[in-house]
């Protein structure tokens, strides 16, 4: 299986977190914390972001932490010279959730379409 297929499988697996990730992104924006929320999906321990989901307490296989572009810069996860490029590729937060996925594929930014409430 190629990397593209594995990323599609990852996206499918992360869909169950759509609601909680979307709500966390909305709170980050509404409270004026950042215009660039980033939800970190990981399976091991990390030391940034605020914990949202603990895989040991839910049915999923992922931990989620809420973070921001600003924290990524402060922690040197994203270098300052890449900020403008990141902002230009960041998708509309009312339509997409920005995920930073740490997996066996490495570290990847994914933009997951928000599920619309019915």
Foldseek 3Di string as FASTA:
>chain_A
DDPVVVVVVVLVLCVVCQVQLLVLLVCCVVVPVAPFKEKEWEQDDDDDAAWRDDVVVDVGRTTIGIDGPVVCCVVVVDDPVCVVVCVVPDDDSVFWGWYFYDDPSGTDTDTHGHDDDD
